[in-house]
Amino acid sequence: ARLMQILNNLIWNAVKYTVQGQVELHAYTNQRSNGAASLYIRIADTGKGISEASMAKLFDRFELSATNTEQNKYGSTGLGLFFARMLANHMGGEIACSSIVEVGSVFMVSL
């Protein structure tokens, strides 16, 4: 259930900010030396991208990189990425993001 919530938040963000282009999801596992497996998920989009100023606060509670018009259009609350990172951290993982404005964003999840 936690993994599904993380994916729902990340995929929904990628889809809603990609007006034209594509959203890709890649997942793979890696066996560790102790026998456990690590899960890696990469979600890439060709959306509007995220500014450097917004990237610094991207995972903060109630932070929005969207304009007021976009917030109203999508009903954004600024909690999705905050909760996604919190859930990943509780599962012993992490979420990172890289982005270029007008090119797109890539979110990486490791669990």
PDB file of N, CA and C in Angstrom:
ATOM      1  N   ALA A   1       0.821  -1.193   0.000  1.00  0.00           N
ATOM      2  CA  ALA A   1       0.000   0.000   0.000  1.00  0.00           C
ATOM      3  C   ALA A   1       0.869   1.262   0.000  1.00  0.00           C
ATOM      4  N   ARG A   2       1.981   1.245   0.730  1.00  0.00           N
ATOM      5  CA  ARG A   2       2.860   2.421   0.765  1.00  0.00           C
ATOM      6  C   ARG A   2       3.499   2.656  -0.598  1.00  0.00           C
ATOM      7  N   LEU A   3       3.972   1.576  -1.221  1.00  0.00           N
ATOM      8  CA  LEU A   3       4.589   1.708  -2.535  1.00  0.00           C
ATOM      9  C   LEU A   3       3.586   2.248  -3.553  1.00  0.00           C
ATOM     10  N   MET A   4       2.358   1.774  -3.497  1.00  0.00           N
ATOM     11  CA  MET A   4       1.324   2.250  -4.416  1.00  0.00           C
ATOM     12  C   MET A   4       1.064   3.749  -4.210  1.00  0.00           C
ATOM     13  N   GLN A   5       1.063   4.207  -2.978  1.00  0.00           N
ATOM     14  CA  GLN A   5       0.846   5.628  -2.703  1.00  0.00           C
ATOM     15  C   GLN A   5       1.992   6.464  -3.257  1.00  0.00           C
ATOM     16  N   ILE A   6       3.220   5.987  -3.087  1.00  0.00           N
ATOM     17  CA  ILE A   6       4.377   6.690  -3.641  1.00  0.00           C
ATOM     18  C   ILE A   6       4.238   6.793  -5.156  1.00  0.00           C
ATOM     19  N   LEU A   7       3.955   5.666  -5.797  1.00  0.00           N
ATOM     20  CA  LEU A   7       3.825   5.655  -7.254  1.00  0.00           C
ATOM     21  C   LEU A   7       2.669   6.531  -7.723  1.00  0.00           C
ATOM     22  N   ASN A   8       1.539   6.452  -7.039  1.00  0.00           N
ATOM     23  CA  ASN A   8       0.391   7.291  -7.409  1.00  0.00           C
ATOM     24  C   ASN A   8       0.764   8.770  -7.387  1.00  0.00           C
ATOM     25  N   ASN A   9       1.449   9.207  -6.334  1.00  0.00           N
ATOM     26  CA  ASN A   9       1.837  10.611  -6.224  1.00  0.00           C
ATOM     27  C   ASN A   9       2.806  11.022  -7.325  1.00  0.00           C
ATOM     28  N   LEU A  10       3.820  10.213  -7.566  1.00  0.00           N
ATOM     29  CA  LEU A  10       4.831  10.569  -8.560  1.00  0.00           C
ATOM     30  C   LEU A  10       4.285  10.508  -9.981  1.00  0.00           C
ATOM     31  N   ILE A  11       3.529   9.468 -10.285  1.00  0.00           N
ATOM     32  CA  ILE A  11       2.977   9.334 -11.636  1.00  0.00           C
ATOM     33  C   ILE A  11       1.943  10.420 -11.900  1.00  0.00           C
ATOM     34  N   TRP A  12       1.075  10.694 -10.923  1.00  0.00           N
ATOM     35  CA  TRP A  12       0.065  11.737 -11.104  1.00  0.00           C
ATOM     36  C   TRP A  12       0.734  13.081 -11.386  1.00  0.00           C
ATOM     37  N   ASN A  13       1.774  13.429 -10.649  1.00  0.00           N
ATOM     38  CA  ASN A  13       2.481  14.686 -10.900  1.00  0.00           C
ATOM     39  C   ASN A  13       3.067  14.706 -12.309  1.00  0.00           C
ATOM     40  N   ALA A  14       3.682  13.612 -12.723  1.00  0.00           N
ATOM     41  CA  ALA A  14       4.279  13.554 -14.055  1.00  0.00           C
ATOM     42  C   ALA A  14       3.215  13.736 -15.134  1.00  0.00           C
ATOM     43  N   VAL A  15       2.092  13.077 -14.977  1.00  0.00           N
ATOM     44  CA  VAL A  15       1.025  13.157 -15.980  1.00  0.00           C
ATOM     45  C   VAL A  15       0.395  14.548 -16.014  1.00  0.00           C
ATOM     46  N   LYS A  16       0.100  15.112 -14.853  1.00  0.00           N
ATOM     47  CA  LYS A  16      -0.616  16.393 -14.857  1.00  0.00           C
ATOM     48  C   LYS A  16       0.233  17.547 -15.367  1.00  0.00           C
ATOM     49  N   TYR A  17       1.549  17.463 -15.279  1.00  0.00           N
ATOM     50  CA  TYR A  17       2.395  18.546 -15.763  1.00  0.00           C
ATOM     51  C   TYR A  17       3.022  18.257 -17.125  1.00  0.00           C
ATOM     52  N   THR A  18       2.631  17.157 -17.762  1.00  0.00           N
ATOM     53  CA  THR A  18       3.106  16.827 -19.100  1.00  0.00           C
ATOM     54  C   THR A  18       1.930  16.977 -20.064  1.00  0.00           C
ATOM     55  N   VAL A  19       1.804  18.162 -20.612  1.00  0.00           N
ATOM     56  CA  VAL A  19       0.710  18.445 -21.536  1.00  0.00           C
ATOM     57  C   VAL A  19       0.951  17.744 -22.863  1.00  0.00           C
ATOM     58  N   GLN A  20       2.205  17.690 -23.260  1.00  0.00           N
ATOM     59  CA  GLN A  20       2.578  17.084 -24.531  1.00  0.00           C
ATOM     60  C   GLN A  20       3.867  16.311 -24.292  1.00  0.00           C
ATOM     61  N   GLY A  21       3.990  15.160 -24.910  1.00  0.00           N
ATOM     62  CA  GLY A  21       5.198  14.368 -24.743  1.00  0.00           C
ATOM     63  C   GLY A  21       4.888  13.034 -24.101  1.00  0.00           C
ATOM     64  N   GLN A  22       5.704  12.650 -23.134  1.00  0.00           N
ATOM     65  CA  GLN A  22       5.530  11.314 -22.574  1.00  0.00           C
ATOM     66  C   GLN A  22       5.931  11.236 -21.114  1.00  0.00           C
ATOM     67  N   VAL A  23       5.426  10.204 -20.472  1.00  0.00           N
ATOM     68  CA  VAL A  23       5.813   9.838 -19.112  1.00  0.00           C
ATOM     69  C   VAL A  23       6.276   8.394 -19.179  1.00  0.00           C
ATOM     70  N   GLU A  24       7.435   8.113 -18.643  1.00  0.00           N
ATOM     71  CA  GLU A  24       7.984   6.757 -18.656  1.00  0.00           C
ATOM     72  C   GLU A  24       8.210   6.283 -17.231  1.00  0.00           C
ATOM     73  N   LEU A  25       7.927   5.019 -17.002  1.00  0.00           N
ATOM     74  CA  LEU A  25       8.187   4.388 -15.712  1.00  0.00           C
ATOM     75  C   LEU A  25       9.065   3.172 -15.956  1.00  0.00           C
ATOM     76  N   HIS A  26      10.161   3.100 -15.256  1.00  0.00           N
ATOM     77  CA  HIS A  26      11.070   1.955 -15.324  1.00  0.00           C
ATOM     78  C   HIS A  26      11.299   1.464 -13.903  1.00  0.00           C
ATOM     79  N   ALA A  27      11.273   0.159 -13.725  1.00  0.00           N
ATOM     80  CA  ALA A  27      11.529  -0.419 -12.402  1.00  0.00           C
ATOM     81  C   ALA A  27      12.447  -1.623 -12.564  1.00  0.00           C
ATOM     82  N   TYR A  28      13.343  -1.778 -11.631  1.00  0.00           N
ATOM     83  CA  TYR A  28      14.200  -2.961 -11.626  1.00  0.00           C
ATOM     84  C   TYR A  28      14.641  -3.262 -10.208  1.00  0.00           C
ATOM     85  N   THR A  29      15.089  -4.484 -10.017  1.00  0.00           N
ATOM     86  CA  THR A  29      15.578  -4.908  -8.700  1.00  0.00           C
ATOM     87  C   THR A  29      17.051  -5.258  -8.803  1.00  0.00           C
ATOM     88  N   ASN A  30      17.680  -5.266  -7.646  1.00  0.00           N
ATOM     89  CA  ASN A  30      19.087  -5.623  -7.557  1.00  0.00           C
ATOM     90  C   ASN A  30      19.265  -6.453  -6.289  1.00  0.00           C
ATOM     91  N   GLN A  31      19.828  -7.635  -6.431  1.00  0.00           N
ATOM     92  CA  GLN A  31      20.069  -8.505  -5.281  1.00  0.00           C
ATOM     93  C   GLN A  31      21.291  -8.019  -4.520  1.00  0.00           C
ATOM     94  N   ARG A  32      21.117  -7.797  -3.236  1.00  0.00           N
ATOM     95  CA  ARG A  32      22.236  -7.370  -2.393  1.00  0.00           C
ATOM     96  C   ARG A  32      22.978  -8.596  -1.868  1.00  0.00           C
ATOM     97  N   SER A  33      24.152  -8.375  -1.333  1.00  0.00           N
ATOM     98  CA  SER A  33      24.990  -9.479  -0.852  1.00  0.00           C
ATOM     99  C   SER A  33      24.363 -10.224   0.319  1.00  0.00           C
ATOM    100  N   ASN A  34      23.467  -9.565   1.075  1.00  0.00           N
ATOM    101  CA  ASN A  34      22.830 -10.229   2.218  1.00  0.00           C
ATOM    102  C   ASN A  34      21.587 -11.018   1.814  1.00  0.00           C
ATOM    103  N   GLY A  35      21.316 -11.087   0.507  1.00  0.00           N
ATOM    104  CA  GLY A  35      20.167 -11.855   0.028  1.00  0.00           C
ATOM    105  C   GLY A  35      18.914 -11.038  -0.177  1.00  0.00           C
ATOM    106  N   ALA A  36      18.862  -9.845   0.402  1.00  0.00           N
ATOM    107  CA  ALA A  36      17.699  -8.975   0.210  1.00  0.00           C
ATOM    108  C   ALA A  36      17.779  -8.325  -1.166  1.00  0.00           C
ATOM    109  N   ALA A  37      16.662  -7.807  -1.617  1.00  0.00           N
ATOM    110  CA  ALA A  37      16.625  -7.138  -2.912  1.00  0.00           C
ATOM    111  C   ALA A  37      16.325  -5.659  -2.720  1.00  0.00           C
ATOM    112  N   SER A  38      16.919  -4.853  -3.566  1.00  0.00           N
ATOM    113  CA  SER A  38      16.617  -3.429  -3.608  1.00  0.00           C
ATOM    114  C   SER A  38      15.729  -3.172  -4.821  1.00  0.00           C
ATOM    115  N   LEU A  39      14.799  -2.254  -4.672  1.00  0.00           N
ATOM    116  CA  LEU A  39      13.906  -1.879  -5.756  1.00  0.00           C
ATOM    117  C   LEU A  39      14.234  -0.454  -6.178  1.00  0.00           C
ATOM    118  N   TYR A  40      14.385  -0.253  -7.480  1.00  0.00           N
ATOM    119  CA  TYR A  40      14.666   1.065  -8.030  1.00  0.00           C
ATOM    120  C   TYR A  40      13.580   1.405  -9.043  1.00  0.00           C
ATOM    121  N   ILE A  41      13.035   2.612  -8.926  1.00  0.00           N
ATOM    122  CA  ILE A  41      11.976   3.066  -9.821  1.00  0.00           C
ATOM    123  C   ILE A  41      12.385   4.422 -10.362  1.00  0.00           C
ATOM    124  N   ARG A  42      12.214   4.583 -11.664  1.00  0.00           N
ATOM    125  CA  ARG A  42      12.544   5.845 -12.328  1.00  0.00           C
ATOM    126  C   ARG A  42      11.314   6.307 -13.100  1.00  0.00           C
ATOM    127  N   ILE A  43      10.852   7.520 -12.812  1.00  0.00           N
ATOM    128  CA  ILE A  43       9.710   8.099 -13.512  1.00  0.00           C
ATOM    129  C   ILE A  43      10.210   9.367 -14.189  1.00  0.00           C
ATOM    130  N   ALA A  44      10.170   9.359 -15.522  1.00  0.00           N
ATOM    131  CA  ALA A  44      10.664  10.494 -16.296  1.00  0.00           C
ATOM    132  C   ALA A  44       9.522  11.081 -17.115  1.00  0.00           C
ATOM    133  N   ASP A  45       9.518  12.403 -17.234  1.00  0.00           N
ATOM    134  CA  ASP A  45       8.493  13.046 -18.049  1.00  0.00           C
ATOM    135  C   ASP A  45       9.116  14.128 -18.915  1.00  0.00           C
ATOM    136  N   THR A  46       8.381  14.523 -19.931  1.00  0.00           N
ATOM    137  CA  THR A  46       8.800  15.613 -20.804  1.00  0.00           C
ATOM    138  C   THR A  46       7.910  16.827 -20.546  1.00  0.00           C
ATOM    139  N   GLY A  47       7.564  17.016 -19.291  1.00  0.00           N
ATOM    140  CA  GLY A  47       6.690  18.113 -18.884  1.00  0.00           C
ATOM    141  C   GLY A  47       7.408  19.442 -18.792  1.00  0.00           C
ATOM    142  N   LYS A  48       6.823  20.340 -18.021  1.00  0.00           N
ATOM    143  CA  LYS A  48       7.316  21.719 -17.941  1.00  0.00           C
ATOM    144  C   LYS A  48       8.606  21.864 -17.156  1.00  0.00           C
ATOM    145  N   GLY A  49       9.005  20.851 -16.410  1.00  0.00           N
ATOM    146  CA  GLY A  49      10.212  20.940 -15.607  1.00  0.00           C
ATOM    147  C   GLY A  49       9.999  21.753 -14.344  1.00  0.00           C
ATOM    148  N   ILE A  50      11.007  21.778 -13.501  1.00  0.00           N
ATOM    149  CA  ILE A  50      10.930  22.443 -12.204  1.00  0.00           C
ATOM    150  C   ILE A  50      12.119  23.385 -12.085  1.00  0.00           C
ATOM    151  N   SER A  51      11.846  24.611 -11.703  1.00  0.00           N
ATOM    152  CA  SER A  51      12.923  25.601 -11.582  1.00  0.00           C
ATOM    153  C   SER A  51      13.875  25.222 -10.447  1.00  0.00           C
ATOM    154  N   GLU A  52      15.066  25.786 -10.514  1.00  0.00           N
ATOM    155  CA  GLU A  52      16.067  25.538  -9.475  1.00  0.00           C
ATOM    156  C   GLU A  52      15.570  26.010  -8.110  1.00  0.00           C
ATOM    157  N   ALA A  53      14.905  27.151  -8.082  1.00  0.00           N
ATOM    158  CA  ALA A  53      14.377  27.683  -6.823  1.00  0.00           C
ATOM    159  C   ALA A  53      13.325  26.752  -6.233  1.00  0.00           C
ATOM    160  N   SER A  54      12.468  26.201  -7.072  1.00  0.00           N
ATOM    161  CA  SER A  54      11.437  25.274  -6.593  1.00  0.00           C
ATOM    162  C   SER A  54      12.033  23.929  -6.185  1.00  0.00           C
ATOM    163  N   MET A  55      13.102  23.510  -6.854  1.00  0.00           N
ATOM    164  CA  MET A  55      13.733  22.222  -6.523  1.00  0.00           C
ATOM    165  C   MET A  55      14.220  22.193  -5.084  1.00  0.00           C
ATOM    166  N   ALA A  56      14.697  23.322  -4.584  1.00  0.00           N
ATOM    167  CA  ALA A  56      15.228  23.387  -3.227  1.00  0.00           C
ATOM    168  C   ALA A  56      14.162  23.078  -2.178  1.00  0.00           C
ATOM    169  N   LYS A  57      12.895  23.340  -2.507  1.00  0.00           N
ATOM    170  CA  LYS A  57      11.802  23.132  -1.551  1.00  0.00           C
ATOM    171  C   LYS A  57      10.805  22.077  -2.019  1.00  0.00           C
ATOM    172  N   LEU A  58      11.155  21.321  -3.044  1.00  0.00           N
ATOM    173  CA  LEU A  58      10.221  20.432  -3.729  1.00  0.00           C
ATOM    174  C   LEU A  58       9.502  19.449  -2.812  1.00  0.00           C
ATOM    175  N   PHE A  59      10.208  18.908  -1.836  1.00  0.00           N
ATOM    176  CA  PHE A  59       9.626  17.880  -0.970  1.00  0.00           C
ATOM    177  C   PHE A  59       9.117  18.443   0.360  1.00  0.00           C
ATOM    178  N   ASP A  60       9.098  19.762   0.484  1.00  0.00           N
ATOM    179  CA  ASP A  60       8.577  20.387   1.702  1.00  0.00           C
ATOM    180  C   ASP A  60       7.055  20.356   1.711  1.00  0.00           C
ATOM    181  N   ARG A  61       6.492  20.297   2.894  1.00  0.00           N
ATOM    182  CA  ARG A  61       5.041  20.292   3.044  1.00  0.00           C
ATOM    183  C   ARG A  61       4.453  21.617   2.562  1.00  0.00           C
ATOM    184  N   PHE A  62       3.385  21.531   1.786  1.00  0.00           N
ATOM    185  CA  PHE A  62       2.623  22.664   1.248  1.00  0.00           C
ATOM    186  C   PHE A  62       3.389  23.497   0.232  1.00  0.00           C
ATOM    187  N   GLU A  63       4.517  22.988  -0.278  1.00  0.00           N
ATOM    188  CA  GLU A  63       5.252  23.708  -1.318  1.00  0.00           C
ATOM    189  C   GLU A  63       4.712  23.292  -2.681  1.00  0.00           C
ATOM    190  N   LEU A  64       4.507  24.266  -3.529  1.00  0.00           N
ATOM    191  CA  LEU A  64       3.999  24.019  -4.870  1.00  0.00           C
ATOM    192  C   LEU A  64       4.907  24.689  -5.884  1.00  0.00           C
ATOM    193  N   SER A  65       5.272  23.957  -6.922  1.00  0.00           N
ATOM    194  CA  SER A  65       6.034  24.573  -8.010  1.00  0.00           C
ATOM    195  C   SER A  65       5.086  25.101  -9.074  1.00  0.00           C
ATOM    196  N   ALA A  66       3.808  24.780  -8.945  1.00  0.00           N
ATOM    197  CA  ALA A  66       2.812  25.201  -9.927  1.00  0.00           C
ATOM    198  C   ALA A  66       2.401  26.647  -9.699  1.00  0.00           C
ATOM    199  N   THR A  67       1.910  27.252 -10.760  1.00  0.00           N
ATOM    200  CA  THR A  67       1.350  28.594 -10.649  1.00  0.00           C
ATOM    201  C   THR A  67      -0.027  28.493  -9.999  1.00  0.00           C
ATOM    202  N   ASN A  68      -0.586  29.613  -9.578  1.00  0.00           N
ATOM    203  CA  ASN A  68      -1.931  29.607  -8.988  1.00  0.00           C
ATOM    204  C   ASN A  68      -2.967  29.030  -9.938  1.00  0.00           C
ATOM    205  N   THR A  69      -2.844  29.326 -11.232  1.00  0.00           N
ATOM    206  CA  THR A  69      -3.777  28.786 -12.221  1.00  0.00           C
ATOM    207  C   THR A  69      -3.691  27.266 -12.264  1.00  0.00           C
ATOM    208  N   GLU A  70      -2.464  26.723 -12.256  1.00  0.00           N
ATOM    209  CA  GLU A  70      -2.285  25.268 -12.283  1.00  0.00           C
ATOM    210  C   GLU A  70      -2.794  24.640 -10.990  1.00  0.00           C
ATOM    211  N   GLN A  71      -2.575  25.301  -9.863  1.00  0.00           N
ATOM    212  CA  GLN A  71      -3.062  24.778  -8.587  1.00  0.00           C
ATOM    213  C   GLN A  71      -4.575  24.633  -8.625  1.00  0.00           C
ATOM    214  N   ASN A  72      -5.264  25.657  -9.125  1.00  0.00           N
ATOM    215  CA  ASN A  72      -6.713  25.621  -9.210  1.00  0.00           C
ATOM    216  C   ASN A  72      -7.179  24.553 -10.198  1.00  0.00           C
ATOM    217  N   LYS A  73      -6.482  24.416 -11.308  1.00  0.00           N
ATOM    218  CA  LYS A  73      -6.856  23.452 -12.344  1.00  0.00           C
ATOM    219  C   LYS A  73      -6.760  22.013 -11.838  1.00  0.00           C
ATOM    220  N   TYR A  74      -5.708  21.699 -11.083  1.00  0.00           N
ATOM    221  CA  TYR A  74      -5.463  20.332 -10.647  1.00  0.00           C
ATOM    222  C   TYR A  74      -5.805  20.075  -9.186  1.00  0.00           C
ATOM    223  N   GLY A  75      -6.119  21.107  -8.434  1.00  0.00           N
ATOM    224  CA  GLY A  75      -6.417  20.916  -7.026  1.00  0.00           C
ATOM    225  C   GLY A  75      -5.188  20.523  -6.220  1.00  0.00           C
ATOM    226  N   SER A  76      -4.031  21.006  -6.609  1.00  0.00           N
ATOM    227  CA  SER A  76      -2.782  20.664  -5.921  1.00  0.00           C
ATOM    228  C   SER A  76      -2.771  21.223  -4.501  1.00  0.00           C
ATOM    229  N   THR A  77      -2.249  20.422  -3.587  1.00  0.00           N
ATOM    230  CA  THR A  77      -2.181  20.845  -2.189  1.00  0.00           C
ATOM    231  C   THR A  77      -0.749  21.038  -1.706  1.00  0.00           C
ATOM    232  N   GLY A  78       0.218  20.516  -2.442  1.00  0.00           N
ATOM    233  CA  GLY A  78       1.595  20.602  -1.993  1.00  0.00           C
ATOM    234  C   GLY A  78       1.952  19.532  -0.981  1.00  0.00           C
ATOM    235  N   LEU A  79       1.172  18.455  -0.946  1.00  0.00           N
ATOM    236  CA  LEU A  79       1.433  17.377   0.008  1.00  0.00           C
ATOM    237  C   LEU A  79       1.891  16.080  -0.650  1.00  0.00           C
ATOM    238  N   GLY A  80       1.642  15.904  -1.928  1.00  0.00           N
ATOM    239  CA  GLY A  80       1.941  14.636  -2.598  1.00  0.00           C
ATOM    240  C   GLY A  80       3.399  14.223  -2.515  1.00  0.00           C
ATOM    241  N   LEU A  81       4.302  15.119  -2.895  1.00  0.00           N
ATOM    242  CA  LEU A  81       5.726  14.787  -2.860  1.00  0.00           C
ATOM    243  C   LEU A  81       6.240  14.689  -1.435  1.00  0.00           C
ATOM    244  N   PHE A  82       5.700  15.511  -0.550  1.00  0.00           N
ATOM    245  CA  PHE A  82       6.068  15.429   0.864  1.00  0.00           C
ATOM    246  C   PHE A  82       5.743  14.041   1.412  1.00  0.00           C
ATOM    247  N   PHE A  83       4.513  13.571   1.165  1.00  0.00           N
ATOM    248  CA  PHE A  83       4.110  12.251   1.662  1.00  0.00           C
ATOM    249  C   PHE A  83       4.860  11.129   0.960  1.00  0.00           C
ATOM    250  N   ALA A  84       5.120  11.272  -0.333  1.00  0.00           N
ATOM    251  CA  ALA A  84       5.866  10.243  -1.062  1.00  0.00           C
ATOM    252  C   ALA A  84       7.252  10.058  -0.457  1.00  0.00           C
ATOM    253  N   ARG A  85       7.939  11.163  -0.183  1.00  0.00           N
ATOM    254  CA  ARG A  85       9.277  11.060   0.414  1.00  0.00           C
ATOM    255  C   ARG A  85       9.202  10.506   1.839  1.00  0.00           C
ATOM    256  N   MET A  86       8.204  10.949   2.595  1.00  0.00           N
ATOM    257  CA  MET A  86       8.041  10.452   3.965  1.00  0.00           C
ATOM    258  C   MET A  86       7.821   8.940   3.969  1.00  0.00           C
ATOM    259  N   LEU A  87       6.960   8.453   3.078  1.00  0.00           N
ATOM    260  CA  LEU A  87       6.705   7.011   2.995  1.00  0.00           C
ATOM    261  C   LEU A  87       7.957   6.255   2.577  1.00  0.00           C
ATOM    262  N   ALA A  88       8.664   6.771   1.588  1.00  0.00           N
ATOM    263  CA  ALA A  88       9.900   6.116   1.151  1.00  0.00           C
ATOM    264  C   ALA A  88      10.911   6.059   2.290  1.00  0.00           C
ATOM    265  N   ASN A  89      11.047   7.133   3.036  1.00  0.00           N
ATOM    266  CA  ASN A  89      11.971   7.154   4.170  1.00  0.00           C
ATOM    267  C   ASN A  89      11.566   6.141   5.235  1.00  0.00           C
ATOM    268  N   HIS A  90      10.259   6.024   5.508  1.00  0.00           N
ATOM    269  CA  HIS A  90       9.779   5.038   6.485  1.00  0.00           C
ATOM    270  C   HIS A  90      10.048   3.609   6.036  1.00  0.00           C
ATOM    271  N   MET A  91      10.163   3.421   4.727  1.00  0.00           N
ATOM    272  CA  MET A  91      10.454   2.095   4.183  1.00  0.00           C
ATOM    273  C   MET A  91      11.964   1.877   4.034  1.00  0.00           C
ATOM    274  N   GLY A  92      12.763   2.810   4.534  1.00  0.00           N
ATOM    275  CA  GLY A  92      14.213   2.686   4.451  1.00  0.00           C
ATOM    276  C   GLY A  92      14.780   3.122   3.115  1.00  0.00           C
ATOM    277  N   GLY A  93      14.019   3.878   2.346  1.00  0.00           N
ATOM    278  CA  GLY A  93      14.459   4.305   1.027  1.00  0.00           C
ATOM    279  C   GLY A  93      14.539   5.801   0.904  1.00  0.00           C
ATOM    280  N   GLU A  94      14.597   6.245  -0.336  1.00  0.00           N
ATOM    281  CA  GLU A  94      14.672   7.667  -0.595  1.00  0.00           C
ATOM    282  C   GLU A  94      14.119   7.994  -1.972  1.00  0.00           C
ATOM    283  N   ILE A  95      13.823   9.273  -2.172  1.00  0.00           N
ATOM    284  CA  ILE A  95      13.371   9.782  -3.461  1.00  0.00           C
ATOM    285  C   ILE A  95      14.244  10.982  -3.808  1.00  0.00           C
ATOM    286  N   ALA A  96      14.675  11.035  -5.059  1.00  0.00           N
ATOM    287  CA  ALA A  96      15.462  12.163  -5.536  1.00  0.00           C
ATOM    288  C   ALA A  96      14.847  12.647  -6.852  1.00  0.00           C
ATOM    289  N   CYS A  97      15.181  13.863  -7.220  1.00  0.00           N
ATOM    290  CA  CYS A  97      14.647  14.436  -8.452  1.00  0.00           C
ATOM    291  C   CYS A  97      15.709  15.263  -9.153  1.00  0.00           C
ATOM    292  N   SER A  98      15.696  15.191 -10.480  1.00  0.00           N
ATOM    293  CA  SER A  98      16.471  16.122 -11.297  1.00  0.00           C
ATOM    294  C   SER A  98      15.512  16.686 -12.332  1.00  0.00           C
ATOM    295  N   SER A  99      15.715  17.922 -12.710  1.00  0.00           N
ATOM    296  CA  SER A  99      14.771  18.556 -13.618  1.00  0.00           C
ATOM    297  C   SER A  99      15.415  19.702 -14.374  1.00  0.00           C
ATOM    298  N   ILE A 100      14.924  19.917 -15.586  1.00  0.00           N
ATOM    299  CA  ILE A 100      15.330  21.049 -16.400  1.00  0.00           C
ATOM    300  C   ILE A 100      14.049  21.713 -16.897  1.00  0.00           C
ATOM    301  N   VAL A 101      13.918  23.011 -16.656  1.00  0.00           N
ATOM    302  CA  VAL A 101      12.726  23.753 -17.067  1.00  0.00           C
ATOM    303  C   VAL A 101      12.543  23.624 -18.580  1.00  0.00           C
ATOM    304  N   GLU A 102      11.310  23.374 -18.978  1.00  0.00           N
ATOM    305  CA  GLU A 102      10.890  23.201 -20.373  1.00  0.00           C
ATOM    306  C   GLU A 102      11.446  21.941 -21.033  1.00  0.00           C
ATOM    307  N   VAL A 103      12.105  21.059 -20.257  1.00  0.00           N
ATOM    308  CA  VAL A 103      12.608  19.797 -20.794  1.00  0.00           C
ATOM    309  C   VAL A 103      11.935  18.621 -20.094  1.00  0.00           C
ATOM    310  N   GLY A 104      11.821  18.684 -18.767  1.00  0.00           N
ATOM    311  CA  GLY A 104      11.163  17.624 -18.022  1.00  0.00           C
ATOM    312  C   GLY A 104      11.864  17.308 -16.724  1.00  0.00           C
ATOM    313  N   SER A 105      11.334  16.285 -16.065  1.00  0.00           N
ATOM    314  CA  SER A 105      11.832  15.889 -14.744  1.00  0.00           C
ATOM    315  C   SER A 105      12.015  14.387 -14.674  1.00  0.00           C
ATOM    316  N   VAL A 106      12.903  13.969 -13.792  1.00  0.00           N
ATOM    317  CA  VAL A 106      13.128  12.551 -13.515  1.00  0.00           C
ATOM    318  C   VAL A 106      13.111  12.381 -12.003  1.00  0.00           C
ATOM    319  N   PHE A 107      12.226  11.501 -11.539  1.00  0.00           N
ATOM    320  CA  PHE A 107      12.168  11.143 -10.130  1.00  0.00           C
ATOM    321  C   PHE A 107      12.706   9.728  -9.976  1.00  0.00           C
ATOM    322  N   MET A 108      13.599   9.538  -9.016  1.00  0.00           N
ATOM    323  CA  MET A 108      14.186   8.237  -8.750  1.00  0.00           C
ATOM    324  C   MET A 108      13.821   7.804  -7.331  1.00  0.00           C
ATOM    325  N   VAL A 109      13.315   6.595  -7.228  1.00  0.00           N
ATOM    326  CA  VAL A 109      12.946   6.013  -5.928  1.00  0.00           C
ATOM    327  C   VAL A 109      13.836   4.803  -5.716  1.00  0.00           C
ATOM    328  N   SER A 110      14.412   4.705  -4.546  1.00  0.00           N
ATOM    329  CA  SER A 110      15.158   3.498  -4.187  1.00  0.00           C
ATOM    330  C   SER A 110      14.638   2.986  -2.864  1.00  0.00           C
ATOM    331  N   LEU A 111      14.327   1.713  -2.818  1.00  0.00           N
ATOM    332  CA  LEU A 111      13.792   1.071  -1.610  1.00  0.00           C
ATOM    333  C   LEU A 111      14.557  -0.215  -1.345  1.00  0.00           C
TER     334      LEU A 111
END
